[in-house]
Amino acid sequence: AISGPRALRGVEQESLTVRCRYDPGWETYVKWWCRGADWGSCRIVVKTTGSEKEVKKGRVSIRDNWKDRSFTVTMEKLRLDDADTYWCGIERVGTDLGNRVKVTIDPGES
């Protein structure tokens, strides 16, 4: 019901955008972006309000697009320690739906 890139590379100080798609019917559900290799204990970085309004937390923002059935997460001013395993997910009763994304950050020009 949810799909996205398996791995993405970003460059230090630049931005990275992750696009996750979902099946029809999940439009009004809360979408989230979570950090940590272990799905069960990953830390929610940012989540939507169940609307199409953009939500920004620090250097990370998330925005849902119902017509497109996708949501995008943008990470700005990337740091080398942003490299980690992340998950894009949909909140629901029972176990949330999720897709794992490995993010690698390359050093920028010094």
PDB file of N, CA and C in Angstrom:
ATOM      1  N   ALA A   1       0.825  -1.213   0.000  1.00  0.00           N
ATOM      2  CA  ALA A   1       0.000   0.000   0.000  1.00  0.00           C
ATOM      3  C   ALA A   1       0.858   1.262   0.000  1.00  0.00           C
ATOM      4  N   ILE A   2       2.149   1.095   0.325  1.00  0.00           N
ATOM      5  CA  ILE A   2       3.051   2.260   0.306  1.00  0.00           C
ATOM      6  C   ILE A   2       4.365   1.857  -0.357  1.00  0.00           C
ATOM      7  N   SER A   3       4.906   2.767  -1.163  1.00  0.00           N
ATOM      8  CA  SER A   3       6.172   2.465  -1.831  1.00  0.00           C
ATOM      9  C   SER A   3       7.010   3.723  -1.952  1.00  0.00           C
ATOM     10  N   GLY A   4       8.307   3.532  -2.073  1.00  0.00           N
ATOM     11  CA  GLY A   4       9.207   4.668  -2.190  1.00  0.00           C
ATOM     12  C   GLY A   4      10.589   4.169  -2.545  1.00  0.00           C
ATOM     13  N   PRO A   5      11.541   5.090  -2.600  1.00  0.00           N
ATOM     14  CA  PRO A   5      12.909   4.678  -2.950  1.00  0.00           C
ATOM     15  C   PRO A   5      13.511   3.808  -1.855  1.00  0.00           C
ATOM     16  N   ARG A   6      14.368   2.873  -2.223  1.00  0.00           N
ATOM     17  CA  ARG A   6      15.047   2.034  -1.230  1.00  0.00           C
ATOM     18  C   ARG A   6      16.247   2.758  -0.635  1.00  0.00           C
ATOM     19  N   ALA A   7      16.896   3.563  -1.475  1.00  0.00           N
ATOM     20  CA  ALA A   7      18.094   4.264  -1.029  1.00  0.00           C
ATOM     21  C   ALA A   7      18.218   5.591  -1.751  1.00  0.00           C
ATOM     22  N   LEU A   8      18.763   6.586  -1.039  1.00  0.00           N
ATOM     23  CA  LEU A   8      18.961   7.907  -1.624  1.00  0.00           C
ATOM     24  C   LEU A   8      20.280   8.470  -1.139  1.00  0.00           C
ATOM     25  N   ARG A   9      20.921   9.259  -1.999  1.00  0.00           N
ATOM     26  CA  ARG A   9      22.157   9.947  -1.611  1.00  0.00           C
ATOM     27  C   ARG A   9      21.922  11.439  -1.618  1.00  0.00           C
ATOM     28  N   GLY A  10      22.495  12.113  -0.627  1.00  0.00           N
ATOM     29  CA  GLY A  10      22.448  13.560  -0.586  1.00  0.00           C
ATOM     30  C   GLY A  10      23.850  14.097  -0.407  1.00  0.00           C
ATOM     31  N   VAL A  11      23.990  15.404  -0.563  1.00  0.00           N
ATOM     32  CA  VAL A  11      25.284  16.051  -0.376  1.00  0.00           C
ATOM     33  C   VAL A  11      25.187  17.029   0.793  1.00  0.00           C
ATOM     34  N   GLU A  12      26.188  16.981   1.648  1.00  0.00           N
ATOM     35  CA  GLU A  12      26.267  17.859   2.814  1.00  0.00           C
ATOM     36  C   GLU A  12      25.943  19.305   2.429  1.00  0.00           C
ATOM     37  N   GLN A  13      25.130  19.943   3.252  1.00  0.00           N
ATOM     38  CA  GLN A  13      24.698  21.347   3.070  1.00  0.00           C
ATOM     39  C   GLN A  13      23.607  21.548   2.010  1.00  0.00           C
ATOM     40  N   GLU A  14      23.351  20.507   1.195  1.00  0.00           N
ATOM     41  CA  GLU A  14      22.291  20.624   0.188  1.00  0.00           C
ATOM     42  C   GLU A  14      20.990  20.040   0.740  1.00  0.00           C
ATOM     43  N   SER A  15      19.985  19.899  -0.139  1.00  0.00           N
ATOM     44  CA  SER A  15      18.688  19.351   0.276  1.00  0.00           C
ATOM     45  C   SER A  15      18.452  17.989  -0.365  1.00  0.00           C
ATOM     46  N   LEU A  16      17.596  17.221   0.264  1.00  0.00           N
ATOM     47  CA  LEU A  16      17.230  15.904  -0.256  1.00  0.00           C
ATOM     48  C   LEU A  16      15.711  15.783  -0.171  1.00  0.00           C
ATOM     49  N   THR A  17      15.089  15.350  -1.257  1.00  0.00           N
ATOM     50  CA  THR A  17      13.640  15.167  -1.262  1.00  0.00           C
ATOM     51  C   THR A  17      13.309  13.700  -1.499  1.00  0.00           C
ATOM     52  N   VAL A  18      12.455  13.174  -0.638  1.00  0.00           N
ATOM     53  CA  VAL A  18      12.025  11.776  -0.713  1.00  0.00           C
ATOM     54  C   VAL A  18      10.549  11.769  -1.060  1.00  0.00           C
ATOM     55  N   ARG A  19      10.174  10.979  -2.080  1.00  0.00           N
ATOM     56  CA  ARG A  19       8.767  10.903  -2.457  1.00  0.00           C
ATOM     57  C   ARG A  19       8.253   9.484  -2.219  1.00  0.00           C
ATOM     58  N   CYS A  20       7.218   9.379  -1.416  1.00  0.00           N
ATOM     59  CA  CYS A  20       6.605   8.078  -1.126  1.00  0.00           C
ATOM     60  C   CYS A  20       5.180   8.065  -1.654  1.00  0.00           C
ATOM     61  N   ARG A  21       4.824   6.995  -2.355  1.00  0.00           N
ATOM     62  CA  ARG A  21       3.485   6.882  -2.953  1.00  0.00           C
ATOM     63  C   ARG A  21       2.644   5.895  -2.165  1.00  0.00           C
ATOM     64  N   TYR A  22       1.330   6.066  -2.258  1.00  0.00           N
ATOM     65  CA  TYR A  22       0.441   5.136  -1.553  1.00  0.00           C
ATOM     66  C   TYR A  22      -0.788   4.835  -2.405  1.00  0.00           C
ATOM     67  N   ASP A  23      -1.467   3.766  -2.036  1.00  0.00           N
ATOM     68  CA  ASP A  23      -2.642   3.316  -2.784  1.00  0.00           C
ATOM     69  C   ASP A  23      -3.863   4.205  -2.506  1.00  0.00           C
ATOM     70  N   PRO A  24      -4.844   4.176  -3.398  1.00  0.00           N
ATOM     71  CA  PRO A  24      -6.092   4.919  -3.159  1.00  0.00           C
ATOM     72  C   PRO A  24      -6.721   4.505  -1.833  1.00  0.00           C
ATOM     73  N   GLY A  25      -7.335   5.485  -1.169  1.00  0.00           N
ATOM     74  CA  GLY A  25      -8.017   5.193   0.084  1.00  0.00           C
ATOM     75  C   GLY A  25      -7.252   5.666   1.306  1.00  0.00           C
ATOM     76  N   TRP A  26      -5.964   5.961   1.122  1.00  0.00           N
ATOM     77  CA  TRP A  26      -5.141   6.362   2.267  1.00  0.00           C
ATOM     78  C   TRP A  26      -4.923   7.882   2.324  1.00  0.00           C
ATOM     79  N   GLU A  27      -5.620   8.607   1.460  1.00  0.00           N
ATOM     80  CA  GLU A  27      -5.375  10.052   1.347  1.00  0.00           C
ATOM     81  C   GLU A  27      -5.439  10.806   2.672  1.00  0.00           C
ATOM     82  N   THR A  28      -6.483  10.585   3.463  1.00  0.00           N
ATOM     83  CA  THR A  28      -6.697  11.419   4.656  1.00  0.00           C
ATOM     84  C   THR A  28      -5.991  10.895   5.907  1.00  0.00           C
ATOM     85  N   TYR A  29      -5.219   9.833   5.739  1.00  0.00           N
ATOM     86  CA  TYR A  29      -4.490   9.287   6.890  1.00  0.00           C
ATOM     87  C   TYR A  29      -3.239  10.121   7.177  1.00  0.00           C
ATOM     88  N   VAL A  30      -2.780  10.059   8.417  1.00  0.00           N
ATOM     89  CA  VAL A  30      -1.550  10.762   8.808  1.00  0.00           C
ATOM     90  C   VAL A  30      -0.339  10.036   8.211  1.00  0.00           C
ATOM     91  N   LYS A  31       0.544  10.806   7.585  1.00  0.00           N
ATOM     92  CA  LYS A  31       1.779  10.250   7.024  1.00  0.00           C
ATOM     93  C   LYS A  31       2.941  10.711   7.898  1.00  0.00           C
ATOM     94  N   TRP A  32       3.985   9.905   7.979  1.00  0.00           N
ATOM     95  CA  TRP A  32       5.118  10.281   8.831  1.00  0.00           C
ATOM     96  C   TRP A  32       6.462   9.883   8.251  1.00  0.00           C
ATOM     97  N   TRP A  33       7.497  10.474   8.815  1.00  0.00           N
ATOM     98  CA  TRP A  33       8.887  10.211   8.428  1.00  0.00           C
ATOM     99  C   TRP A  33       9.633   9.906   9.723  1.00  0.00           C
ATOM    100  N   CYS A  34      10.259   8.746   9.752  1.00  0.00           N
ATOM    101  CA  CYS A  34      10.778   8.200  10.995  1.00  0.00           C
ATOM    102  C   CYS A  34      12.248   7.819  10.811  1.00  0.00           C
ATOM    103  N   ARG A  35      13.052   8.019  11.854  1.00  0.00           N
ATOM    104  CA  ARG A  35      14.486   7.732  11.752  1.00  0.00           C
ATOM    105  C   ARG A  35      14.897   6.582  12.660  1.00  0.00           C
ATOM    106  N   GLY A  36      15.665   5.639  12.132  1.00  0.00           N
ATOM    107  CA  GLY A  36      16.181   4.524  12.928  1.00  0.00           C
ATOM    108  C   GLY A  36      16.027   3.209  12.200  1.00  0.00           C
ATOM    109  N   ALA A  37      17.044   2.363  12.285  1.00  0.00           N
ATOM    110  CA  ALA A  37      17.054   1.108  11.524  1.00  0.00           C
ATOM    111  C   ALA A  37      15.921   0.169  11.946  1.00  0.00           C
ATOM    112  N   ASP A  38      15.572   0.221  13.231  1.00  0.00           N
ATOM    113  CA  ASP A  38      14.553  -0.696  13.746  1.00  0.00           C
ATOM    114  C   ASP A  38      13.166  -0.075  13.648  1.00  0.00           C
ATOM    115  N   TRP A  39      12.349  -0.654  12.796  1.00  0.00           N
ATOM    116  CA  TRP A  39      10.991  -0.172  12.551  1.00  0.00           C
ATOM    117  C   TRP A  39      10.209   0.039  13.839  1.00  0.00           C
ATOM    118  N   GLY A  40      10.362  -0.874  14.783  1.00  0.00           N
ATOM    119  CA  GLY A  40       9.576  -0.821  16.016  1.00  0.00           C
ATOM    120  C   GLY A  40       9.932   0.342  16.924  1.00  0.00           C
ATOM    121  N   SER A  41      11.164   0.829  16.814  1.00  0.00           N
ATOM    122  CA  SER A  41      11.584   1.878  17.743  1.00  0.00           C
ATOM    123  C   SER A  41      12.128   3.116  17.023  1.00  0.00           C
ATOM    124  N   CYS A  42      11.782   3.285  15.760  1.00  0.00           N
ATOM    125  CA  CYS A  42      12.290   4.464  15.050  1.00  0.00           C
ATOM    126  C   CYS A  42      11.630   5.723  15.615  1.00  0.00           C
ATOM    127  N   ARG A  43      12.331   6.843  15.469  1.00  0.00           N
ATOM    128  CA  ARG A  43      11.895   8.104  16.057  1.00  0.00           C
ATOM    129  C   ARG A  43      11.185   8.947  15.002  1.00  0.00           C
ATOM    130  N   ILE A  44       9.945   9.332  15.267  1.00  0.00           N
ATOM    131  CA  ILE A  44       9.210  10.160  14.305  1.00  0.00           C
ATOM    132  C   ILE A  44       9.878  11.530  14.209  1.00  0.00           C
ATOM    133  N   VAL A  45      10.266  11.905  13.007  1.00  0.00           N
ATOM    134  CA  VAL A  45      10.920  13.195  12.788  1.00  0.00           C
ATOM    135  C   VAL A  45       9.856  14.254  12.505  1.00  0.00           C
ATOM    136  N   VAL A  46       8.909  13.894  11.632  1.00  0.00           N
ATOM    137  CA  VAL A  46       7.852  14.835  11.261  1.00  0.00           C
ATOM    138  C   VAL A  46       6.651  14.039  10.769  1.00  0.00           C
ATOM    139  N   LYS A  47       5.438  14.573  11.003  1.00  0.00           N
ATOM    140  CA  LYS A  47       4.241  13.883  10.503  1.00  0.00           C
ATOM    141  C   LYS A  47       3.218  14.908  10.017  1.00  0.00           C
ATOM    142  N   THR A  48       2.354  14.453   9.117  1.00  0.00           N
ATOM    143  CA  THR A  48       1.312  15.347   8.595  1.00  0.00           C
ATOM    144  C   THR A  48       0.168  15.418   9.598  1.00  0.00           C
ATOM    145  N   THR A  49      -0.763  16.329   9.353  1.00  0.00           N
ATOM    146  CA  THR A  49      -1.920  16.478  10.228  1.00  0.00           C
ATOM    147  C   THR A  49      -3.122  15.731   9.651  1.00  0.00           C
ATOM    148  N   GLY A  50      -2.896  14.937   8.594  1.00  0.00           N
ATOM    149  CA  GLY A  50      -4.009  14.289   7.912  1.00  0.00           C
ATOM    150  C   GLY A  50      -4.620  15.226   6.891  1.00  0.00           C
ATOM    151  N   SER A  51      -3.873  16.280   6.549  1.00  0.00           N
ATOM    152  CA  SER A  51      -4.321  17.215   5.511  1.00  0.00           C
ATOM    153  C   SER A  51      -3.185  17.383   4.505  1.00  0.00           C
ATOM    154  N   GLU A  52      -3.372  18.302   3.557  1.00  0.00           N
ATOM    155  CA  GLU A  52      -2.331  18.534   2.561  1.00  0.00           C
ATOM    156  C   GLU A  52      -1.415  19.700   2.962  1.00  0.00           C
ATOM    157  N   LYS A  53      -1.639  20.215   4.165  1.00  0.00           N
ATOM    158  CA  LYS A  53      -0.826  21.336   4.624  1.00  0.00           C
ATOM    159  C   LYS A  53       0.592  20.871   4.963  1.00  0.00           C
ATOM    160  N   GLU A  54       1.575  21.670   4.548  1.00  0.00           N
ATOM    161  CA  GLU A  54       2.963  21.321   4.847  1.00  0.00           C
ATOM    162  C   GLU A  54       3.246  21.480   6.338  1.00  0.00           C
ATOM    163  N   VAL A  55       3.999  20.532   6.885  1.00  0.00           N
ATOM    164  CA  VAL A  55       4.420  20.606   8.278  1.00  0.00           C
ATOM    165  C   VAL A  55       5.941  20.638   8.297  1.00  0.00           C
ATOM    166  N   LYS A  56       6.500  21.602   9.026  1.00  0.00           N
ATOM    167  CA  LYS A  56       7.953  21.737   9.079  1.00  0.00           C
ATOM    168  C   LYS A  56       8.429  21.604  10.517  1.00  0.00           C
ATOM    169  N   LYS A  57       9.461  20.791  10.716  1.00  0.00           N
ATOM    170  CA  LYS A  57      10.071  20.619  12.041  1.00  0.00           C
ATOM    171  C   LYS A  57      11.579  20.750  11.855  1.00  0.00           C
ATOM    172  N   GLY A  58      12.130  21.874  12.280  1.00  0.00           N
ATOM    173  CA  GLY A  58      13.561  22.075  12.112  1.00  0.00           C
ATOM    174  C   GLY A  58      13.948  22.096  10.639  1.00  0.00           C
ATOM    175  N   ARG A  59      14.835  21.195  10.249  1.00  0.00           N
ATOM    176  CA  ARG A  59      15.317  21.160   8.856  1.00  0.00           C
ATOM    177  C   ARG A  59      14.528  20.204   7.973  1.00  0.00           C
ATOM    178  N   VAL A  60      13.445  19.633   8.515  1.00  0.00           N
ATOM    179  CA  VAL A  60      12.686  18.622   7.765  1.00  0.00           C
ATOM    180  C   VAL A  60      11.233  19.041   7.592  1.00  0.00           C
ATOM    181  N   SER A  61      10.718  18.886   6.388  1.00  0.00           N
ATOM    182  CA  SER A  61       9.302  19.191   6.155  1.00  0.00           C
ATOM    183  C   SER A  61       8.639  18.031   5.427  1.00  0.00           C
ATOM    184  N   ILE A  62       7.313  17.944   5.580  1.00  0.00           N
ATOM    185  CA  ILE A  62       6.535  16.883   4.933  1.00  0.00           C
ATOM    186  C   ILE A  62       5.277  17.494   4.351  1.00  0.00           C
ATOM    187  N   ARG A  63       4.912  17.046   3.160  1.00  0.00           N
ATOM    188  CA  ARG A  63       3.679  17.543   2.548  1.00  0.00           C
ATOM    189  C   ARG A  63       3.008  16.416   1.766  1.00  0.00           C
ATOM    190  N   ASP A  64       1.709  16.280   1.981  1.00  0.00           N
ATOM    191  CA  ASP A  64       0.921  15.234   1.326  1.00  0.00           C
ATOM    192  C   ASP A  64       0.216  15.826   0.095  1.00  0.00           C
ATOM    193  N   ASN A  65       0.097  15.030  -0.949  1.00  0.00           N
ATOM    194  CA  ASN A  65      -0.609  15.446  -2.161  1.00  0.00           C
ATOM    195  C   ASN A  65      -1.622  14.356  -2.518  1.00  0.00           C
ATOM    196  N   TRP A  66      -2.884  14.612  -2.198  1.00  0.00           N
ATOM    197  CA  TRP A  66      -3.909  13.572  -2.348  1.00  0.00           C
ATOM    198  C   TRP A  66      -4.183  13.214  -3.800  1.00  0.00           C
ATOM    199  N   LYS A  67      -4.191  14.200  -4.667  1.00  0.00           N
ATOM    200  CA  LYS A  67      -4.494  13.939  -6.081  1.00  0.00           C
ATOM    201  C   LYS A  67      -3.431  13.010  -6.675  1.00  0.00           C
ATOM    202  N   ASP A  68      -2.210  13.251  -6.237  1.00  0.00           N
ATOM    203  CA  ASP A  68      -1.040  12.504  -6.689  1.00  0.00           C
ATOM    204  C   ASP A  68      -0.861  11.196  -5.926  1.00  0.00           C
ATOM    205  N   ARG A  69      -1.550  11.095  -4.769  1.00  0.00           N
ATOM    206  CA  ARG A  69      -1.384   9.966  -3.848  1.00  0.00           C
ATOM    207  C   ARG A  69       0.092   9.742  -3.525  1.00  0.00           C
ATOM    208  N   SER A  70       0.740  10.830  -3.118  1.00  0.00           N
ATOM    209  CA  SER A  70       2.127  10.717  -2.688  1.00  0.00           C
ATOM    210  C   SER A  70       2.407  11.803  -1.661  1.00  0.00           C
ATOM    211  N   PHE A  71       3.407  11.573  -0.845  1.00  0.00           N
ATOM    212  CA  PHE A  71       3.839  12.640   0.050  1.00  0.00           C
ATOM    213  C   PHE A  71       5.346  12.794  -0.074  1.00  0.00           C
ATOM    214  N   THR A  72       5.800  14.032   0.096  1.00  0.00           N
ATOM    215  CA  THR A  72       7.218  14.308  -0.039  1.00  0.00           C
ATOM    216  C   THR A  72       7.791  14.792   1.280  1.00  0.00           C
ATOM    217  N   VAL A  73       8.993  14.327   1.550  1.00  0.00           N
ATOM    218  CA  VAL A  73       9.738  14.752   2.728  1.00  0.00           C
ATOM    219  C   VAL A  73      10.983  15.460   2.211  1.00  0.00           C
ATOM    220  N   THR A  74      11.224  16.676   2.696  1.00  0.00           N
ATOM    221  CA  THR A  74      12.422  17.408   2.294  1.00  0.00           C
ATOM    222  C   THR A  74      13.313  17.632   3.509  1.00  0.00           C
ATOM    223  N   MET A  75      14.559  17.218   3.373  1.00  0.00           N
ATOM    224  CA  MET A  75      15.555  17.433   4.421  1.00  0.00           C
ATOM    225  C   MET A  75      16.500  18.511   3.913  1.00  0.00           C
ATOM    226  N   GLU A  76      16.617  19.608   4.664  1.00  0.00           N
ATOM    227  CA  GLU A  76      17.433  20.744   4.222  1.00  0.00           C
ATOM    228  C   GLU A  76      18.756  20.817   4.966  1.00  0.00           C
ATOM    229  N   LYS A  77      19.699  21.556   4.380  1.00  0.00           N
ATOM    230  CA  LYS A  77      21.013  21.799   5.001  1.00  0.00           C
ATOM    231  C   LYS A  77      21.562  20.499   5.579  1.00  0.00           C
ATOM    232  N   LEU A  78      21.679  19.509   4.739  1.00  0.00           N
ATOM    233  CA  LEU A  78      22.077  18.170   5.169  1.00  0.00           C
ATOM    234  C   LEU A  78      23.402  18.164   5.917  1.00  0.00           C
ATOM    235  N   ARG A  79      23.465  17.321   6.932  1.00  0.00           N
ATOM    236  CA  ARG A  79      24.696  17.116   7.687  1.00  0.00           C
ATOM    237  C   ARG A  79      25.128  15.663   7.504  1.00  0.00           C
ATOM    238  N   LEU A  80      26.416  15.412   7.672  1.00  0.00           N
ATOM    239  CA  LEU A  80      26.914  14.039   7.499  1.00  0.00           C
ATOM    240  C   LEU A  80      26.211  13.083   8.459  1.00  0.00           C
ATOM    241  N   ASP A  81      25.862  13.569   9.659  1.00  0.00           N
ATOM    242  CA  ASP A  81      25.219  12.667  10.626  1.00  0.00           C
ATOM    243  C   ASP A  81      23.719  12.491  10.388  1.00  0.00           C
ATOM    244  N   ASP A  82      23.203  13.065   9.290  1.00  0.00           N
ATOM    245  CA  ASP A  82      21.821  12.760   8.890  1.00  0.00           C
ATOM    246  C   ASP A  82      21.747  11.392   8.211  1.00  0.00           C
ATOM    247  N   ALA A  83      22.895  10.848   7.845  1.00  0.00           N
ATOM    248  CA  ALA A  83      22.929   9.537   7.190  1.00  0.00           C
ATOM    249  C   ALA A  83      22.386   8.491   8.164  1.00  0.00           C
ATOM    250  N   ASP A  84      21.396   7.732   7.717  1.00  0.00           N
ATOM    251  CA  ASP A  84      20.769   6.744   8.602  1.00  0.00           C
ATOM    252  C   ASP A  84      19.723   5.973   7.802  1.00  0.00           C
ATOM    253  N   THR A  85      19.074   5.048   8.472  1.00  0.00           N
ATOM    254  CA  THR A  85      17.914   4.375   7.889  1.00  0.00           C
ATOM    255  C   THR A  85      16.671   5.143   8.327  1.00  0.00           C
ATOM    256  N   TYR A  86      15.811   5.459   7.369  1.00  0.00           N
ATOM    257  CA  TYR A  86      14.566   6.169   7.650  1.00  0.00           C
ATOM    258  C   TYR A  86      13.398   5.337   7.126  1.00  0.00           C
ATOM    259  N   TRP A  87      12.212   5.720   7.533  1.00  0.00           N
ATOM    260  CA  TRP A  87      10.995   5.061   7.057  1.00  0.00           C
ATOM    261  C   TRP A  87       9.966   6.122   6.684  1.00  0.00           C
ATOM    262  N   CYS A  88       9.305   5.947   5.541  1.00  0.00           N
ATOM    263  CA  CYS A  88       8.125   6.773   5.303  1.00  0.00           C
ATOM    264  C   CYS A  88       6.930   5.873   5.595  1.00  0.00           C
ATOM    265  N   GLY A  89       5.957   6.417   6.286  1.00  0.00           N
ATOM    266  CA  GLY A  89       4.883   5.555   6.742  1.00  0.00           C
ATOM    267  C   GLY A  89       3.529   6.228   6.795  1.00  0.00           C
ATOM    268  N   ILE A  90       2.521   5.385   6.999  1.00  0.00           N
ATOM    269  CA  ILE A  90       1.134   5.823   7.131  1.00  0.00           C
ATOM    270  C   ILE A  90       0.602   5.280   8.444  1.00  0.00           C
ATOM    271  N   GLU A  91       0.061   6.189   9.247  1.00  0.00           N
ATOM    272  CA  GLU A  91      -0.477   5.820  10.563  1.00  0.00           C
ATOM    273  C   GLU A  91      -1.842   5.170  10.385  1.00  0.00           C
ATOM    274  N   ARG A  92      -2.047   4.044  11.034  1.00  0.00           N
ATOM    275  CA  ARG A  92      -3.364   3.394  10.974  1.00  0.00           C
ATOM    276  C   ARG A  92      -3.561   2.542  12.227  1.00  0.00           C
ATOM    277  N   VAL A  93      -4.773   2.056  12.407  1.00  0.00           N
ATOM    278  CA  VAL A  93      -5.057   1.174  13.536  1.00  0.00           C
ATOM    279  C   VAL A  93      -4.308  -0.133  13.305  1.00  0.00           C
ATOM    280  N   GLY A  94      -3.694  -0.653  14.354  1.00  0.00           N
ATOM    281  CA  GLY A  94      -2.878  -1.855  14.186  1.00  0.00           C
ATOM    282  C   GLY A  94      -1.460  -1.433  13.850  1.00  0.00           C
ATOM    283  N   THR A  95      -0.808  -2.181  12.964  1.00  0.00           N
ATOM    284  CA  THR A  95       0.561  -1.859  12.577  1.00  0.00           C
ATOM    285  C   THR A  95       0.562  -0.851  11.444  1.00  0.00           C
ATOM    286  N   ASP A  96       1.338   0.216  11.617  1.00  0.00           N
ATOM    287  CA  ASP A  96       1.436   1.218  10.557  1.00  0.00           C
ATOM    288  C   ASP A  96       2.058   0.605   9.297  1.00  0.00           C
ATOM    289  N   LEU A  97       1.794   1.262   8.174  1.00  0.00           N
ATOM    290  CA  LEU A  97       2.410   0.853   6.915  1.00  0.00           C
ATOM    291  C   LEU A  97       3.718   1.610   6.753  1.00  0.00           C
ATOM    292  N   GLY A  98       4.752   0.954   6.251  1.00  0.00           N
ATOM    293  CA  GLY A  98       6.019   1.664   6.121  1.00  0.00           C
ATOM    294  C   GLY A  98       6.884   1.175   4.977  1.00  0.00           C
ATOM    295  N   ASN A  99       7.771   2.034   4.546  1.00  0.00           N
ATOM    296  CA  ASN A  99       8.731   1.731   3.502  1.00  0.00           C
ATOM    297  C   ASN A  99      10.101   2.224   3.956  1.00  0.00           C
ATOM    298  N   ARG A 100      11.097   1.343   3.908  1.00  0.00           N
ATOM    299  CA  ARG A 100      12.432   1.675   4.412  1.00  0.00           C
ATOM    300  C   ARG A 100      13.253   2.422   3.365  1.00  0.00           C
ATOM    301  N   VAL A 101      13.927   3.480   3.798  1.00  0.00           N
ATOM    302  CA  VAL A 101      14.771   4.281   2.903  1.00  0.00           C
ATOM    303  C   VAL A 101      16.132   4.481   3.560  1.00  0.00           C
ATOM    304  N   LYS A 102      17.176   4.017   2.874  1.00  0.00           N
ATOM    305  CA  LYS A 102      18.525   4.231   3.414  1.00  0.00           C
ATOM    306  C   LYS A 102      19.078   5.529   2.837  1.00  0.00           C
ATOM    307  N   VAL A 103      19.448   6.450   3.718  1.00  0.00           N
ATOM    308  CA  VAL A 103      19.956   7.762   3.284  1.00  0.00           C
ATOM    309  C   VAL A 103      21.457   7.851   3.545  1.00  0.00           C
ATOM    310  N   THR A 104      22.192   8.147   2.479  1.00  0.00           N
ATOM    311  CA  THR A 104      23.639   8.332   2.554  1.00  0.00           C
ATOM    312  C   THR A 104      23.950   9.793   2.266  1.00  0.00           C
ATOM    313  N   ILE A 105      24.851  10.372   3.040  1.00  0.00           N
ATOM    314  CA  ILE A 105      25.233  11.778   2.816  1.00  0.00           C
ATOM    315  C   ILE A 105      26.715  11.830   2.435  1.00  0.00           C
ATOM    316  N   ASP A 106      26.992  12.434   1.290  1.00  0.00           N
ATOM    317  CA  ASP A 106      28.377  12.611   0.851  1.00  0.00           C
ATOM    318  C   ASP A 106      28.878  13.981   1.296  1.00  0.00           C
ATOM    319  N   PRO A 107      30.171  14.084   1.614  1.00  0.00           N
ATOM    320  CA  PRO A 107      30.728  15.382   2.015  1.00  0.00           C
ATOM    321  C   PRO A 107      30.622  16.390   0.874  1.00  0.00           C
ATOM    322  N   GLY A 108      30.300  17.621   1.218  1.00  0.00           N
ATOM    323  CA  GLY A 108      30.243  18.668   0.207  1.00  0.00           C
ATOM    324  C   GLY A 108      31.627  19.213  -0.069  1.00  0.00           C
ATOM    325  N   GLU A 109      31.721  20.129  -1.005  1.00  0.00           N
ATOM    326  CA  GLU A 109      33.006  20.776  -1.271  1.00  0.00           C
ATOM    327  C   GLU A 109      33.371  21.649  -0.078  1.00  0.00           C
ATOM    328  N   SER A 110      34.600  21.508   0.397  1.00  0.00           N
ATOM    329  CA  SER A 110      34.965  22.323   1.554  1.00  0.00           C
ATOM    330  C   SER A 110      35.515  23.673   1.092  1.00  0.00           C
TER     331      SER A 110
END
